[in-house]
Amino acid sequence: MTRLTPYPSLSFANTIHGRRRLEDHAVATALDYFAYNFIKIHRTLRMSPAMAVGVTDRLWEVNDLVALWGPQSGGRKEGRDLR
């Protein structure tokens, strides 16, 4: 029996879809760090943090990230439901 919670949608999501895998969290965190450091212009720096420390000389775009990530991802894993 499923216990009732004040947030039924969260309870439903956890029982139907299961918990996210640790690997999925690692990928999401890596993408977030990349976007924060290479894509976003920060107000106080007036450039990205990667440009401020000299890692890159240009502001990256999401298309650059997709081009960098695409060949290494290997496409969709067999038998894995991406819903």
PDB file of N, CA and C in Angstrom:
ATOM      1  N   MET A   1       0.840  -1.178   0.000  1.00  0.00           N
ATOM      2  CA  MET A   1       0.000   0.000   0.000  1.00  0.00           C
ATOM      3  C   MET A   1       0.885   1.241   0.000  1.00  0.00           C
ATOM      4  N   THR A   2       0.552   2.193  -0.835  1.00  0.00           N
ATOM      5  CA  THR A   2       1.296   3.437  -0.919  1.00  0.00           C
ATOM      6  C   THR A   2       0.739   4.411   0.095  1.00  0.00           C
ATOM      7  N   ARG A   3       1.622   4.987   0.894  1.00  0.00           N
ATOM      8  CA  ARG A   3       1.144   5.946   1.888  1.00  0.00           C
ATOM      9  C   ARG A   3       0.850   7.276   1.206  1.00  0.00           C
ATOM     10  N   LEU A   4      -0.083   7.978   1.733  1.00  0.00           N
ATOM     11  CA  LEU A   4      -0.463   9.268   1.176  1.00  0.00           C
ATOM     12  C   LEU A   4       0.480  10.341   1.687  1.00  0.00           C
ATOM     13  N   THR A   5       0.905  11.192   0.793  1.00  0.00           N
ATOM     14  CA  THR A   5       1.790  12.291   1.166  1.00  0.00           C
ATOM     15  C   THR A   5       1.113  13.602   0.822  1.00  0.00           C
ATOM     16  N   PRO A   6       1.597  14.695   1.389  1.00  0.00           N
ATOM     17  CA  PRO A   6       1.013  15.986   1.028  1.00  0.00           C
ATOM     18  C   PRO A   6       1.291  16.354  -0.428  1.00  0.00           C
ATOM     19  N   TYR A   7       2.257  15.682  -1.056  1.00  0.00           N
ATOM     20  CA  TYR A   7       2.608  15.949  -2.440  1.00  0.00           C
ATOM     21  C   TYR A   7       2.415  14.668  -3.252  1.00  0.00           C
ATOM     22  N   PRO A   8       1.193  14.363  -3.650  1.00  0.00           N
ATOM     23  CA  PRO A   8       0.934  13.098  -4.327  1.00  0.00           C
ATOM     24  C   PRO A   8       1.678  12.943  -5.643  1.00  0.00           C
ATOM     25  N   SER A   9       1.981  14.040  -6.327  1.00  0.00           N
ATOM     26  CA  SER A   9       2.675  13.911  -7.603  1.00  0.00           C
ATOM     27  C   SER A   9       4.095  13.396  -7.389  1.00  0.00           C
ATOM     28  N   LEU A  10       4.754  13.811  -6.306  1.00  0.00           N
ATOM     29  CA  LEU A  10       6.100  13.320  -6.018  1.00  0.00           C
ATOM     30  C   LEU A  10       6.064  11.837  -5.664  1.00  0.00           C
ATOM     31  N   SER A  11       5.087  11.453  -4.880  1.00  0.00           N
ATOM     32  CA  SER A  11       4.945  10.049  -4.517  1.00  0.00           C
ATOM     33  C   SER A  11       4.707   9.211  -5.769  1.00  0.00           C
ATOM     34  N   PHE A  12       3.867   9.679  -6.664  1.00  0.00           N
ATOM     35  CA  PHE A  12       3.578   8.974  -7.904  1.00  0.00           C
ATOM     36  C   PHE A  12       4.822   8.865  -8.765  1.00  0.00           C
ATOM     37  N   ALA A  13       5.581   9.932  -8.870  1.00  0.00           N
ATOM     38  CA  ALA A  13       6.780   9.920  -9.702  1.00  0.00           C
ATOM     39  C   ALA A  13       7.796   8.919  -9.173  1.00  0.00           C
ATOM     40  N   ASN A  14       7.952   8.832  -7.876  1.00  0.00           N
ATOM     41  CA  ASN A  14       8.924   7.897  -7.316  1.00  0.00           C
ATOM     42  C   ASN A  14       8.504   6.452  -7.496  1.00  0.00           C
ATOM     43  N   THR A  15       7.228   6.158  -7.402  1.00  0.00           N
ATOM     44  CA  THR A  15       6.801   4.767  -7.532  1.00  0.00           C
ATOM     45  C   THR A  15       6.747   4.322  -8.984  1.00  0.00           C
ATOM     46  N   ILE A  16       6.382   5.177  -9.907  1.00  0.00           N
ATOM     47  CA  ILE A  16       6.256   4.792 -11.307  1.00  0.00           C
ATOM     48  C   ILE A  16       7.603   4.785 -12.014  1.00  0.00           C
ATOM     49  N   HIS A  17       8.354   5.831 -11.891  1.00  0.00           N
ATOM     50  CA  HIS A  17       9.585   5.975 -12.661  1.00  0.00           C
ATOM     51  C   HIS A  17      10.823   5.479 -11.926  1.00  0.00           C
ATOM     52  N   GLY A  18      10.721   5.217 -10.655  1.00  0.00           N
ATOM     53  CA  GLY A  18      11.889   4.796  -9.903  1.00  0.00           C
ATOM     54  C   GLY A  18      12.818   5.958  -9.620  1.00  0.00           C
ATOM     55  N   ARG A  19      13.933   5.642  -9.057  1.00  0.00           N
ATOM     56  CA  ARG A  19      14.905   6.690  -8.735  1.00  0.00           C
ATOM     57  C   ARG A  19      15.896   6.849  -9.867  1.00  0.00           C
ATOM     58  N   ARG A  20      16.350   8.067 -10.048  1.00  0.00           N
ATOM     59  CA  ARG A  20      17.353   8.323 -11.089  1.00  0.00           C
ATOM     60  C   ARG A  20      18.642   7.627 -10.698  1.00  0.00           C
ATOM     61  N   ARG A  21      19.339   7.187 -11.688  1.00  0.00           N
ATOM     62  CA  ARG A  21      20.598   6.516 -11.434  1.00  0.00           C
ATOM     63  C   ARG A  21      21.691   7.530 -11.124  1.00  0.00           C
ATOM     64  N   LEU A  22      22.684   7.070 -10.394  1.00  0.00           N
ATOM     65  CA  LEU A  22      23.800   7.936 -10.022  1.00  0.00           C
ATOM     66  C   LEU A  22      24.518   8.463 -11.262  1.00  0.00           C
ATOM     67  N   GLU A  23      24.603   7.645 -12.280  1.00  0.00           N
ATOM     68  CA  GLU A  23      25.235   8.065 -13.532  1.00  0.00           C
ATOM     69  C   GLU A  23      24.504   9.247 -14.159  1.00  0.00           C
ATOM     70  N   ASP A  24      23.190   9.234 -14.118  1.00  0.00           N
ATOM     71  CA  ASP A  24      22.394  10.335 -14.666  1.00  0.00           C
ATOM     72  C   ASP A  24      22.660  11.631 -13.901  1.00  0.00           C
ATOM     73  N   HIS A  25      22.810  11.526 -12.584  1.00  0.00           N
ATOM     74  CA  HIS A  25      23.121  12.707 -11.783  1.00  0.00           C
ATOM     75  C   HIS A  25      24.504  13.248 -12.125  1.00  0.00           C
ATOM     76  N   ALA A  26      25.452  12.350 -12.337  1.00  0.00           N
ATOM     77  CA  ALA A  26      26.812  12.781 -12.677  1.00  0.00           C
ATOM     78  C   ALA A  26      26.832  13.520 -14.010  1.00  0.00           C
ATOM     79  N   VAL A  27      26.098  13.019 -14.989  1.00  0.00           N
ATOM     80  CA  VAL A  27      26.037  13.677 -16.300  1.00  0.00           C
ATOM     81  C   VAL A  27      25.365  15.044 -16.183  1.00  0.00           C
ATOM     82  N   ALA A  28      24.276  15.113 -15.460  1.00  0.00           N
ATOM     83  CA  ALA A  28      23.575  16.388 -15.293  1.00  0.00           C
ATOM     84  C   ALA A  28      24.452  17.411 -14.566  1.00  0.00           C
ATOM     85  N   THR A  29      25.184  16.965 -13.566  1.00  0.00           N
ATOM     86  CA  THR A  29      26.074  17.864 -12.836  1.00  0.00           C
ATOM     87  C   THR A  29      27.204  18.357 -13.726  1.00  0.00           C
ATOM     88  N   ALA A  30      27.774  17.463 -14.531  1.00  0.00           N
ATOM     89  CA  ALA A  30      28.861  17.852 -15.437  1.00  0.00           C
ATOM     90  C   ALA A  30      28.374  18.874 -16.462  1.00  0.00           C
ATOM     91  N   LEU A  31      27.188  18.669 -17.007  1.00  0.00           N
ATOM     92  CA  LEU A  31      26.637  19.627 -17.970  1.00  0.00           C
ATOM     93  C   LEU A  31      26.385  20.983 -17.320  1.00  0.00           C
ATOM     94  N   ASP A  32      25.914  20.962 -16.087  1.00  0.00           N
ATOM     95  CA  ASP A  32      25.654  22.203 -15.374  1.00  0.00           C
ATOM     96  C   ASP A  32      26.952  22.964 -15.108  1.00  0.00           C
ATOM     97  N   TYR A  33      27.978  22.266 -14.665  1.00  0.00           N
ATOM     98  CA  TYR A  33      29.279  22.914 -14.430  1.00  0.00           C
ATOM     99  C   TYR A  33      29.860  23.466 -15.722  1.00  0.00           C
ATOM    100  N   PHE A  34      29.741  22.712 -16.812  1.00  0.00           N
ATOM    101  CA  PHE A  34      30.264  23.191 -18.089  1.00  0.00           C
ATOM    102  C   PHE A  34      29.557  24.465 -18.515  1.00  0.00           C
ATOM    103  N   ALA A  35      28.232  24.458 -18.442  1.00  0.00           N
ATOM    104  CA  ALA A  35      27.469  25.641 -18.837  1.00  0.00           C
ATOM    105  C   ALA A  35      27.819  26.837 -17.948  1.00  0.00           C
ATOM    106  N   TYR A  36      27.967  26.604 -16.658  1.00  0.00           N
ATOM    107  CA  TYR A  36      28.288  27.685 -15.726  1.00  0.00           C
ATOM    108  C   TYR A  36      29.651  28.287 -16.038  1.00  0.00           C
ATOM    109  N   ASN A  37      30.629  27.464 -16.353  1.00  0.00           N
ATOM    110  CA  ASN A  37      32.001  27.935 -16.528  1.00  0.00           C
ATOM    111  C   ASN A  37      32.351  28.366 -17.945  1.00  0.00           C
ATOM    112  N   PHE A  38      31.688  27.828 -18.960  1.00  0.00           N
ATOM    113  CA  PHE A  38      32.079  28.113 -20.332  1.00  0.00           C
ATOM    114  C   PHE A  38      31.043  28.898 -21.135  1.00  0.00           C
ATOM    115  N   ILE A  39      29.758  28.785 -20.795  1.00  0.00           N
ATOM    116  CA  ILE A  39      28.700  29.368 -21.617  1.00  0.00           C
ATOM    117  C   ILE A  39      28.141  30.657 -21.015  1.00  0.00           C
ATOM    118  N   LYS A  40      28.014  30.721 -19.711  1.00  0.00           N
ATOM    119  CA  LYS A  40      27.355  31.847 -19.062  1.00  0.00           C
ATOM    120  C   LYS A  40      28.319  33.008 -18.828  1.00  0.00           C
ATOM    121  N   ILE A  41      27.880  34.213 -19.173  1.00  0.00           N
ATOM    122  CA  ILE A  41      28.632  35.425 -18.859  1.00  0.00           C
ATOM    123  C   ILE A  41      28.220  35.873 -17.458  1.00  0.00           C
ATOM    124  N   HIS A  42      29.200  36.082 -16.594  1.00  0.00           N
ATOM    125  CA  HIS A  42      28.926  36.491 -15.222  1.00  0.00           C
ATOM    126  C   HIS A  42      29.029  38.005 -15.098  1.00  0.00           C
ATOM    127  N   ARG A  43      28.131  38.580 -14.324  1.00  0.00           N
ATOM    128  CA  ARG A  43      28.043  40.032 -14.207  1.00  0.00           C
ATOM    129  C   ARG A  43      29.314  40.669 -13.664  1.00  0.00           C
ATOM    130  N   THR A  44      29.843  40.097 -12.611  1.00  0.00           N
ATOM    131  CA  THR A  44      31.008  40.725 -11.981  1.00  0.00           C
ATOM    132  C   THR A  44      32.268  40.572 -12.826  1.00  0.00           C
ATOM    133  N   LEU A  45      32.393  39.462 -13.540  1.00  0.00           N
ATOM    134  CA  LEU A  45      33.573  39.236 -14.371  1.00  0.00           C
ATOM    135  C   LEU A  45      33.435  39.861 -15.756  1.00  0.00           C
ATOM    136  N   ARG A  46      32.195  39.987 -16.213  1.00  0.00           N
ATOM    137  CA  ARG A  46      31.865  40.423 -17.572  1.00  0.00           C
ATOM    138  C   ARG A  46      32.430  39.480 -18.626  1.00  0.00           C
ATOM    139  N   MET A  47      32.601  38.232 -18.237  1.00  0.00           N
ATOM    140  CA  MET A  47      33.032  37.151 -19.121  1.00  0.00           C
ATOM    141  C   MET A  47      32.764  35.844 -18.392  1.00  0.00           C
ATOM    142  N   SER A  48      32.992  34.726 -19.054  1.00  0.00           N
ATOM    143  CA  SER A  48      32.799  33.438 -18.381  1.00  0.00           C
ATOM    144  C   SER A  48      33.991  33.168 -17.468  1.00  0.00           C
ATOM    145  N   PRO A  49      33.815  32.370 -16.416  1.00  0.00           N
ATOM    146  CA  PRO A  49      34.932  32.052 -15.531  1.00  0.00           C
ATOM    147  C   PRO A  49      36.101  31.371 -16.265  1.00  0.00           C
ATOM    148  N   ALA A  50      35.805  30.558 -17.254  1.00  0.00           N
ATOM    149  CA  ALA A  50      36.867  29.899 -18.022  1.00  0.00           C
ATOM    150  C   ALA A  50      37.695  30.925 -18.794  1.00  0.00           C
ATOM    151  N   MET A  51      37.059  31.957 -19.302  1.00  0.00           N
ATOM    152  CA  MET A  51      37.788  33.026 -19.994  1.00  0.00           C
ATOM    153  C   MET A  51      38.600  33.842 -18.992  1.00  0.00           C
ATOM    154  N   ALA A  52      38.077  34.029 -17.796  1.00  0.00           N
ATOM    155  CA  ALA A  52      38.764  34.838 -16.788  1.00  0.00           C
ATOM    156  C   ALA A  52      40.082  34.210 -16.350  1.00  0.00           C
ATOM    157  N   VAL A  53      40.132  32.887 -16.274  1.00  0.00           N
ATOM    158  CA  VAL A  53      41.369  32.225 -15.846  1.00  0.00           C
ATOM    159  C   VAL A  53      42.244  31.810 -17.016  1.00  0.00           C
ATOM    160  N   GLY A  54      41.774  32.048 -18.240  1.00  0.00           N
ATOM    161  CA  GLY A  54      42.584  31.779 -19.417  1.00  0.00           C
ATOM    162  C   GLY A  54      42.495  30.377 -19.984  1.00  0.00           C
ATOM    163  N   VAL A  55      41.470  29.623 -19.601  1.00  0.00           N
ATOM    164  CA  VAL A  55      41.289  28.273 -20.148  1.00  0.00           C
ATOM    165  C   VAL A  55      40.859  28.338 -21.610  1.00  0.00           C
ATOM    166  N   THR A  56      40.048  29.320 -21.954  1.00  0.00           N
ATOM    167  CA  THR A  56      39.582  29.501 -23.322  1.00  0.00           C
ATOM    168  C   THR A  56      39.597  30.999 -23.647  1.00  0.00           C
ATOM    169  N   ASP A  57      39.628  31.292 -24.926  1.00  0.00           N
ATOM    170  CA  ASP A  57      39.651  32.702 -25.320  1.00  0.00           C
ATOM    171  C   ASP A  57      38.335  33.161 -25.926  1.00  0.00           C
ATOM    172  N   ARG A  58      37.333  32.305 -25.909  1.00  0.00           N
ATOM    173  CA  ARG A  58      36.035  32.679 -26.486  1.00  0.00           C
ATOM    174  C   ARG A  58      34.906  32.159 -25.613  1.00  0.00           C
ATOM    175  N   LEU A  59      33.737  32.737 -25.811  1.00  0.00           N
ATOM    176  CA  LEU A  59      32.538  32.291 -25.119  1.00  0.00           C
ATOM    177  C   LEU A  59      31.938  31.121 -25.891  1.00  0.00           C
ATOM    178  N   TRP A  60      31.736  30.020 -25.224  1.00  0.00           N
ATOM    179  CA  TRP A  60      31.198  28.837 -25.883  1.00  0.00           C
ATOM    180  C   TRP A  60      29.687  28.964 -26.018  1.00  0.00           C
ATOM    181  N   GLU A  61      29.125  28.182 -26.942  1.00  0.00           N
ATOM    182  CA  GLU A  61      27.677  28.121 -27.132  1.00  0.00           C
ATOM    183  C   GLU A  61      27.218  26.689 -26.880  1.00  0.00           C
ATOM    184  N   VAL A  62      25.928  26.518 -26.763  1.00  0.00           N
ATOM    185  CA  VAL A  62      25.379  25.185 -26.537  1.00  0.00           C
ATOM    186  C   VAL A  62      25.714  24.262 -27.715  1.00  0.00           C
ATOM    187  N   ASN A  63      25.749  24.804 -28.926  1.00  0.00           N
ATOM    188  CA  ASN A  63      26.113  23.991 -30.099  1.00  0.00           C
ATOM    189  C   ASN A  63      27.520  23.422 -29.968  1.00  0.00           C
ATOM    190  N   ASP A  64      28.434  24.178 -29.378  1.00  0.00           N
ATOM    191  CA  ASP A  64      29.787  23.682 -29.145  1.00  0.00           C
ATOM    192  C   ASP A  64      29.772  22.511 -28.170  1.00  0.00           C
ATOM    193  N   LEU A  65      28.959  22.616 -27.145  1.00  0.00           N
ATOM    194  CA  LEU A  65      28.836  21.540 -26.171  1.00  0.00           C
ATOM    195  C   LEU A  65      28.272  20.285 -26.823  1.00  0.00           C
ATOM    196  N   VAL A  66      27.250  20.438 -27.648  1.00  0.00           N
ATOM    197  CA  VAL A  66      26.649  19.288 -28.336  1.00  0.00           C
ATOM    198  C   VAL A  66      27.658  18.630 -29.269  1.00  0.00           C
ATOM    199  N   ALA A  67      28.434  19.432 -29.989  1.00  0.00           N
ATOM    200  CA  ALA A  67      29.448  18.891 -30.888  1.00  0.00           C
ATOM    201  C   ALA A  67      30.540  18.159 -30.109  1.00  0.00           C
ATOM    202  N   LEU A  68      30.896  18.664 -28.943  1.00  0.00           N
ATOM    203  CA  LEU A  68      31.921  18.038 -28.116  1.00  0.00           C
ATOM    204  C   LEU A  68      31.423  16.750 -27.488  1.00  0.00           C
ATOM    205  N   TRP A  69      30.174  16.726 -27.064  1.00  0.00           N
ATOM    206  CA  TRP A  69      29.610  15.612 -26.323  1.00  0.00           C
ATOM    207  C   TRP A  69      29.076  14.511 -27.240  1.00  0.00           C
ATOM    208  N   GLY A  70      28.623  14.868 -28.454  1.00  0.00           N
ATOM    209  CA  GLY A  70      27.969  13.935 -29.356  1.00  0.00           C
ATOM    210  C   GLY A  70      28.739  12.676 -29.689  1.00  0.00           C
ATOM    211  N   PRO A  71      29.959  12.745 -30.224  1.00  0.00           N
ATOM    212  CA  PRO A  71      30.658  11.531 -30.632  1.00  0.00           C
ATOM    213  C   PRO A  71      31.023  10.611 -29.470  1.00  0.00           C
ATOM    214  N   GLN A  72      31.208  11.129 -28.290  1.00  0.00           N
ATOM    215  CA  GLN A  72      31.620  10.318 -27.153  1.00  0.00           C
ATOM    216  C   GLN A  72      30.451   9.642 -26.458  1.00  0.00           C
ATOM    217  N   SER A  73      29.238  10.142 -26.664  1.00  0.00           N
ATOM    218  CA  SER A  73      28.103   9.584 -25.939  1.00  0.00           C
ATOM    219  C   SER A  73      27.709   8.214 -26.467  1.00  0.00           C
ATOM    220  N   GLY A  74      27.982   7.919 -27.728  1.00  0.00           N
ATOM    221  CA  GLY A  74      27.679   6.601 -28.262  1.00  0.00           C
ATOM    222  C   GLY A  74      26.218   6.372 -28.568  1.00  0.00           C
ATOM    223  N   GLY A  75      25.410   7.404 -28.511  1.00  0.00           N
ATOM    224  CA  GLY A  75      23.995   7.251 -28.825  1.00  0.00           C
ATOM    225  C   GLY A  75      23.214   6.657 -27.672  1.00  0.00           C
ATOM    226  N   ARG A  76      22.016   6.210 -27.960  1.00  0.00           N
ATOM    227  CA  ARG A  76      21.120   5.669 -26.951  1.00  0.00           C
ATOM    228  C   ARG A  76      21.548   4.269 -26.566  1.00  0.00           C
ATOM    229  N   LYS A  77      21.526   3.988 -25.274  1.00  0.00           N
ATOM    230  CA  LYS A  77      21.877   2.650 -24.795  1.00  0.00           C
ATOM    231  C   LYS A  77      20.719   1.701 -25.091  1.00  0.00           C
ATOM    232  N   GLU A  78      21.034   0.499 -25.476  1.00  0.00           N
ATOM    233  CA  GLU A  78      20.010  -0.479 -25.781  1.00  0.00           C
ATOM    234  C   GLU A  78      19.239  -0.870 -24.531  1.00  0.00           C
ATOM    235  N   GLY A  79      17.946  -0.961 -24.663  1.00  0.00           N
ATOM    236  CA  GLY A  79      17.099  -1.434 -23.586  1.00  0.00           C
ATOM    237  C   GLY A  79      16.852  -0.413 -22.481  1.00  0.00           C
ATOM    238  N   ARG A  80      17.313   0.770 -22.614  1.00  0.00           N
ATOM    239  CA  ARG A  80      17.114   1.770 -21.589  1.00  0.00           C
ATOM    240  C   ARG A  80      15.966   2.678 -21.960  1.00  0.00           C
ATOM    241  N   ASP A  81      15.007   2.794 -21.095  1.00  0.00           N
ATOM    242  CA  ASP A  81      13.853   3.637 -21.323  1.00  0.00           C
ATOM    243  C   ASP A  81      14.206   5.067 -20.924  1.00  0.00           C
ATOM    244  N   LEU A  82      14.059   6.013 -21.831  1.00  0.00           N
ATOM    245  CA  LEU A  82      14.454   7.391 -21.574  1.00  0.00           C
ATOM    246  C   LEU A  82      13.285   8.289 -21.189  1.00  0.00           C
ATOM    247  N   ARG A  83      12.202   7.728 -20.735  1.00  0.00           N
ATOM    248  CA  ARG A  83      11.064   8.549 -20.319  1.00  0.00           C
ATOM    249  C   ARG A  83      11.327   9.237 -19.036  1.00  0.00           C
TER     250      ARG A  83
END
